[in-house]
Amino acid sequence: MATSALISILITFLVIVLVLYLVARLPIDGRAKQIAQIIIIIIGIISLLKYLAVF
């Protein structure tokens, strides 16, 4: 159980980093890019807390 949760957390973290990198590469203005990054970080934190059984 602990190993599976650890792998899930690691995969989620890697997906968050990858999506943040891809958003940074988009040719959009800085304000929209910043809003997208904040939304991705919030969704990522919520999903990580879900794996840690907080929610």
PDB file of N, CA and C in Angstrom:
ATOM      1  N   MET A   1       0.819  -1.195   0.000  1.00  0.00           N
ATOM      2  CA  MET A   1       0.000   0.000   0.000  1.00  0.00           C
ATOM      3  C   MET A   1       0.862   1.259   0.000  1.00  0.00           C
ATOM      4  N   ALA A   2       1.869   1.299   0.846  1.00  0.00           N
ATOM      5  CA  ALA A   2       2.717   2.490   0.936  1.00  0.00           C
ATOM      6  C   ALA A   2       3.525   2.684  -0.338  1.00  0.00           C
ATOM      7  N   THR A   3       3.993   1.588  -0.925  1.00  0.00           N
ATOM      8  CA  THR A   3       4.772   1.689  -2.159  1.00  0.00           C
ATOM      9  C   THR A   3       3.904   2.203  -3.298  1.00  0.00           C
ATOM     10  N   SER A   4       2.694   1.720  -3.375  1.00  0.00           N
ATOM     11  CA  SER A   4       1.782   2.159  -4.425  1.00  0.00           C
ATOM     12  C   SER A   4       1.442   3.638  -4.276  1.00  0.00           C
ATOM     13  N   ALA A   5       1.228   4.094  -3.045  1.00  0.00           N
ATOM     14  CA  ALA A   5       0.935   5.509  -2.817  1.00  0.00           C
ATOM     15  C   ALA A   5       2.148   6.363  -3.161  1.00  0.00           C
ATOM     16  N   LEU A   6       3.336   5.890  -2.820  1.00  0.00           N
ATOM     17  CA  LEU A   6       4.553   6.635  -3.128  1.00  0.00           C
ATOM     18  C   LEU A   6       4.763   6.758  -4.632  1.00  0.00           C
ATOM     19  N   ILE A   7       4.507   5.697  -5.363  1.00  0.00           N
ATOM     20  CA  ILE A   7       4.637   5.732  -6.820  1.00  0.00           C
ATOM     21  C   ILE A   7       3.595   6.669  -7.417  1.00  0.00           C
ATOM     22  N   SER A   8       2.391   6.653  -6.902  1.00  0.00           N
ATOM     23  CA  SER A   8       1.341   7.544  -7.390  1.00  0.00           C
ATOM     24  C   SER A   8       1.700   9.005  -7.142  1.00  0.00           C
ATOM     25  N   ILE A   9       2.252   9.295  -5.975  1.00  0.00           N
ATOM     26  CA  ILE A   9       2.667  10.661  -5.657  1.00  0.00           C
ATOM     27  C   ILE A   9       3.785  11.096  -6.587  1.00  0.00           C
ATOM     28  N   LEU A  10       4.746  10.219  -6.828  1.00  0.00           N
ATOM     29  CA  LEU A  10       5.861  10.550  -7.708  1.00  0.00           C
ATOM     30  C   LEU A  10       5.388  10.800  -9.135  1.00  0.00           C
ATOM     31  N   ILE A  11       4.506   9.965  -9.642  1.00  0.00           N
ATOM     32  CA  ILE A  11       3.987  10.139 -10.999  1.00  0.00           C
ATOM     33  C   ILE A  11       3.184  11.436 -11.100  1.00  0.00           C
ATOM     34  N   THR A  12       2.382  11.728 -10.089  1.00  0.00           N
ATOM     35  CA  THR A  12       1.615  12.969 -10.093  1.00  0.00           C
ATOM     36  C   THR A  12       2.543  14.178 -10.101  1.00  0.00           C
ATOM     37  N   PHE A  13       3.586  14.145  -9.284  1.00  0.00           N
ATOM     38  CA  PHE A  13       4.549  15.242  -9.236  1.00  0.00           C
ATOM     39  C   PHE A  13       5.234  15.428 -10.591  1.00  0.00           C
ATOM     40  N   LEU A  14       5.620  14.330 -11.229  1.00  0.00           N
ATOM     41  CA  LEU A  14       6.274  14.420 -12.531  1.00  0.00           C
ATOM     42  C   LEU A  14       5.332  14.975 -13.601  1.00  0.00           C
ATOM     43  N   VAL A  15       4.069  14.593 -13.554  1.00  0.00           N
ATOM     44  CA  VAL A  15       3.088  15.113 -14.514  1.00  0.00           C
ATOM     45  C   VAL A  15       2.892  16.611 -14.303  1.00  0.00           C
ATOM     46  N   ILE A  16       2.835  17.042 -13.052  1.00  0.00           N
ATOM     47  CA  ILE A  16       2.687  18.476 -12.758  1.00  0.00           C
ATOM     48  C   ILE A  16       3.868  19.256 -13.323  1.00  0.00           C
ATOM     49  N   VAL A  17       5.074  18.755 -13.086  1.00  0.00           N
ATOM     50  CA  VAL A  17       6.275  19.437 -13.588  1.00  0.00           C
ATOM     51  C   VAL A  17       6.271  19.483 -15.116  1.00  0.00           C
ATOM     52  N   LEU A  18       5.886  18.390 -15.753  1.00  0.00           N
ATOM     53  CA  LEU A  18       5.845  18.341 -17.216  1.00  0.00           C
ATOM     54  C   LEU A  18       4.826  19.333 -17.776  1.00  0.00           C
ATOM     55  N   VAL A  19       3.655  19.385 -17.182  1.00  0.00           N
ATOM     56  CA  VAL A  19       2.626  20.313 -17.664  1.00  0.00           C
ATOM     57  C   VAL A  19       3.056  21.762 -17.440  1.00  0.00           C
ATOM     58  N   LEU A  20       3.685  22.042 -16.300  1.00  0.00           N
ATOM     59  CA  LEU A  20       4.189  23.396 -16.055  1.00  0.00           C
ATOM     60  C   LEU A  20       5.253  23.779 -17.081  1.00  0.00           C
ATOM     61  N   TYR A  21       6.108  22.832 -17.434  1.00  0.00           N
ATOM     62  CA  TYR A  21       7.132  23.096 -18.452  1.00  0.00           C
ATOM     63  C   TYR A  21       6.483  23.383 -19.805  1.00  0.00           C
ATOM     64  N   LEU A  22       5.478  22.590 -20.163  1.00  0.00           N
ATOM     65  CA  LEU A  22       4.813  22.789 -21.448  1.00  0.00           C
ATOM     66  C   LEU A  22       4.060  24.118 -21.489  1.00  0.00           C
ATOM     67  N   VAL A  23       3.444  24.517 -20.383  1.00  0.00           N
ATOM     68  CA  VAL A  23       2.753  25.803 -20.342  1.00  0.00           C
ATOM     69  C   VAL A  23       3.766  26.938 -20.480  1.00  0.00           C
ATOM     70  N   ALA A  24       4.938  26.786 -19.883  1.00  0.00           N
ATOM     71  CA  ALA A  24       5.966  27.823 -19.983  1.00  0.00           C
ATOM     72  C   ALA A  24       6.444  27.987 -21.422  1.00  0.00           C
ATOM     73  N   ARG A  25       6.337  26.944 -22.227  1.00  0.00           N
ATOM     74  CA  ARG A  25       6.784  27.000 -23.614  1.00  0.00           C
ATOM     75  C   ARG A  25       5.722  27.552 -24.563  1.00  0.00           C
ATOM     76  N   LEU A  26       4.494  27.732 -24.093  1.00  0.00           N
ATOM     77  CA  LEU A  26       3.426  28.239 -24.953  1.00  0.00           C
ATOM     78  C   LEU A  26       3.659  29.701 -25.319  1.00  0.00           C
ATOM     79  N   PRO A  27       3.339  30.054 -26.557  1.00  0.00           N
ATOM     80  CA  PRO A  27       3.519  31.459 -26.973  1.00  0.00           C
ATOM     81  C   PRO A  27       2.318  32.333 -26.607  1.00  0.00           C
ATOM     82  N   ILE A  28       2.062  32.485 -25.321  1.00  0.00           N
ATOM     83  CA  ILE A  28       0.971  33.350 -24.870  1.00  0.00           C
ATOM     84  C   ILE A  28       1.551  34.430 -23.963  1.00  0.00           C
ATOM     85  N   ASP A  29       0.743  35.446 -23.677  1.00  0.00           N
ATOM     86  CA  ASP A  29       1.256  36.543 -22.863  1.00  0.00           C
ATOM     87  C   ASP A  29       1.496  36.101 -21.417  1.00  0.00           C
ATOM     88  N   GLY A  30       2.272  36.891 -20.708  1.00  0.00           N
ATOM     89  CA  GLY A  30       2.720  36.521 -19.374  1.00  0.00           C
ATOM     90  C   GLY A  30       1.617  36.358 -18.361  1.00  0.00           C
ATOM     91  N   ARG A  31       0.593  37.207 -18.448  1.00  0.00           N
ATOM     92  CA  ARG A  31      -0.504  37.144 -17.476  1.00  0.00           C
ATOM     93  C   ARG A  31      -1.287  35.841 -17.611  1.00  0.00           C
ATOM     94  N   ALA A  32      -1.614  35.450 -18.825  1.00  0.00           N
ATOM     95  CA  ALA A  32      -2.354  34.208 -19.052  1.00  0.00           C
ATOM     96  C   ALA A  32      -1.506  32.998 -18.660  1.00  0.00           C
ATOM     97  N   LYS A  33      -0.218  33.077 -18.934  1.00  0.00           N
ATOM     98  CA  LYS A  33       0.693  31.988 -18.579  1.00  0.00           C
ATOM     99  C   LYS A  33       0.773  31.836 -17.061  1.00  0.00           C
ATOM    100  N   GLN A  34       0.817  32.949 -16.349  1.00  0.00           N
ATOM    101  CA  GLN A  34       0.890  32.917 -14.894  1.00  0.00           C
ATOM    102  C   GLN A  34      -0.395  32.346 -14.296  1.00  0.00           C
ATOM    103  N   ILE A  35      -1.542  32.717 -14.843  1.00  0.00           N
ATOM    104  CA  ILE A  35      -2.822  32.194 -14.371  1.00  0.00           C
ATOM    105  C   ILE A  35      -2.896  30.688 -14.605  1.00  0.00           C
ATOM    106  N   ALA A  36      -2.454  30.240 -15.777  1.00  0.00           N
ATOM    107  CA  ALA A  36      -2.465  28.806 -16.075  1.00  0.00           C
ATOM    108  C   ALA A  36      -1.546  28.049 -15.122  1.00  0.00           C
ATOM    109  N   GLN A  37      -0.388  28.605 -14.819  1.00  0.00           N
ATOM    110  CA  GLN A  37       0.543  27.940 -13.903  1.00  0.00           C
ATOM    111  C   GLN A  37      -0.039  27.850 -12.496  1.00  0.00           C
ATOM    112  N   ILE A  38      -0.709  28.900 -12.051  1.00  0.00           N
ATOM    113  CA  ILE A  38      -1.321  28.869 -10.719  1.00  0.00           C
ATOM    114  C   ILE A  38      -2.419  27.819 -10.647  1.00  0.00           C
ATOM    115  N   ILE A  39      -3.235  27.723 -11.696  1.00  0.00           N
ATOM    116  CA  ILE A  39      -4.303  26.718 -11.734  1.00  0.00           C
ATOM    117  C   ILE A  39      -3.713  25.309 -11.709  1.00  0.00           C
ATOM    118  N   ILE A  40      -2.653  25.081 -12.472  1.00  0.00           N
ATOM    119  CA  ILE A  40      -2.016  23.768 -12.512  1.00  0.00           C
ATOM    120  C   ILE A  40      -1.435  23.416 -11.146  1.00  0.00           C
ATOM    121  N   ILE A  41      -0.804  24.370 -10.489  1.00  0.00           N
ATOM    122  CA  ILE A  41      -0.224  24.113  -9.170  1.00  0.00           C
ATOM    123  C   ILE A  41      -1.320  23.788  -8.151  1.00  0.00           C
ATOM    124  N   ILE A  42      -2.435  24.511  -8.189  1.00  0.00           N
ATOM    125  CA  ILE A  42      -3.533  24.241  -7.254  1.00  0.00           C
ATOM    126  C   ILE A  42      -4.113  22.853  -7.486  1.00  0.00           C
ATOM    127  N   ILE A  43      -4.345  22.499  -8.741  1.00  0.00           N
ATOM    128  CA  ILE A  43      -4.862  21.166  -9.055  1.00  0.00           C
ATOM    129  C   ILE A  43      -3.879  20.096  -8.619  1.00  0.00           C
ATOM    130  N   GLY A  44      -2.585  20.350  -8.832  1.00  0.00           N
ATOM    131  CA  GLY A  44      -1.565  19.386  -8.421  1.00  0.00           C
ATOM    132  C   GLY A  44      -1.506  19.200  -6.924  1.00  0.00           C
ATOM    133  N   ILE A  45      -1.603  20.285  -6.171  1.00  0.00           N
ATOM    134  CA  ILE A  45      -1.585  20.176  -4.711  1.00  0.00           C
ATOM    135  C   ILE A  45      -2.808  19.411  -4.209  1.00  0.00           C
ATOM    136  N   ILE A  46      -3.958  19.680  -4.798  1.00  0.00           N
ATOM    137  CA  ILE A  46      -5.171  18.970  -4.390  1.00  0.00           C
ATOM    138  C   ILE A  46      -5.049  17.477  -4.684  1.00  0.00           C
ATOM    139  N   SER A  47      -4.498  17.126  -5.852  1.00  0.00           N
ATOM    140  CA  SER A  47      -4.360  15.701  -6.165  1.00  0.00           C
ATOM    141  C   SER A  47      -3.318  15.024  -5.276  1.00  0.00           C
ATOM    142  N   LEU A  48      -2.254  15.737  -4.921  1.00  0.00           N
ATOM    143  CA  LEU A  48      -1.259  15.161  -4.002  1.00  0.00           C
ATOM    144  C   LEU A  48      -1.859  14.976  -2.609  1.00  0.00           C
ATOM    145  N   LEU A  49      -2.656  15.921  -2.154  1.00  0.00           N
ATOM    146  CA  LEU A  49      -3.310  15.771  -0.855  1.00  0.00           C
ATOM    147  C   LEU A  49      -4.312  14.618  -0.872  1.00  0.00           C
ATOM    148  N   LYS A  50      -4.899  14.377  -2.022  1.00  0.00           N
ATOM    149  CA  LYS A  50      -5.818  13.259  -2.158  1.00  0.00           C
ATOM    150  C   LYS A  50      -5.088  11.923  -1.972  1.00  0.00           C
ATOM    151  N   TYR A  51      -3.877  11.824  -2.521  1.00  0.00           N
ATOM    152  CA  TYR A  51      -3.084  10.606  -2.358  1.00  0.00           C
ATOM    153  C   TYR A  51      -2.608  10.434  -0.915  1.00  0.00           C
ATOM    154  N   LEU A  52      -2.435  11.539  -0.214  1.00  0.00           N
ATOM    155  CA  LEU A  52      -1.993  11.466   1.180  1.00  0.00           C
ATOM    156  C   LEU A  52      -3.178  11.280   2.133  1.00  0.00           C
ATOM    157  N   ALA A  53      -4.370  11.083   1.586  1.00  0.00           N
ATOM    158  CA  ALA A  53      -5.600  10.804   2.326  1.00  0.00           C
ATOM    159  C   ALA A  53      -6.011  11.966   3.226  1.00  0.00           C
ATOM    160  N   VAL A  54      -5.743  13.181   2.783  1.00  0.00           N
ATOM    161  CA  VAL A  54      -6.205  14.351   3.509  1.00  0.00           C
ATOM    162  C   VAL A  54      -7.662  14.620   3.136  1.00  0.00           C
ATOM    163  N   PHE A  55      -7.997  14.413   1.870  1.00  0.00           N
ATOM    164  CA  PHE A  55      -9.378  14.580   1.410  1.00  0.00           C
ATOM    165  C   PHE A  55     -10.042  13.237   1.269  1.00  0.00           C
TER     166      PHE A  55
END
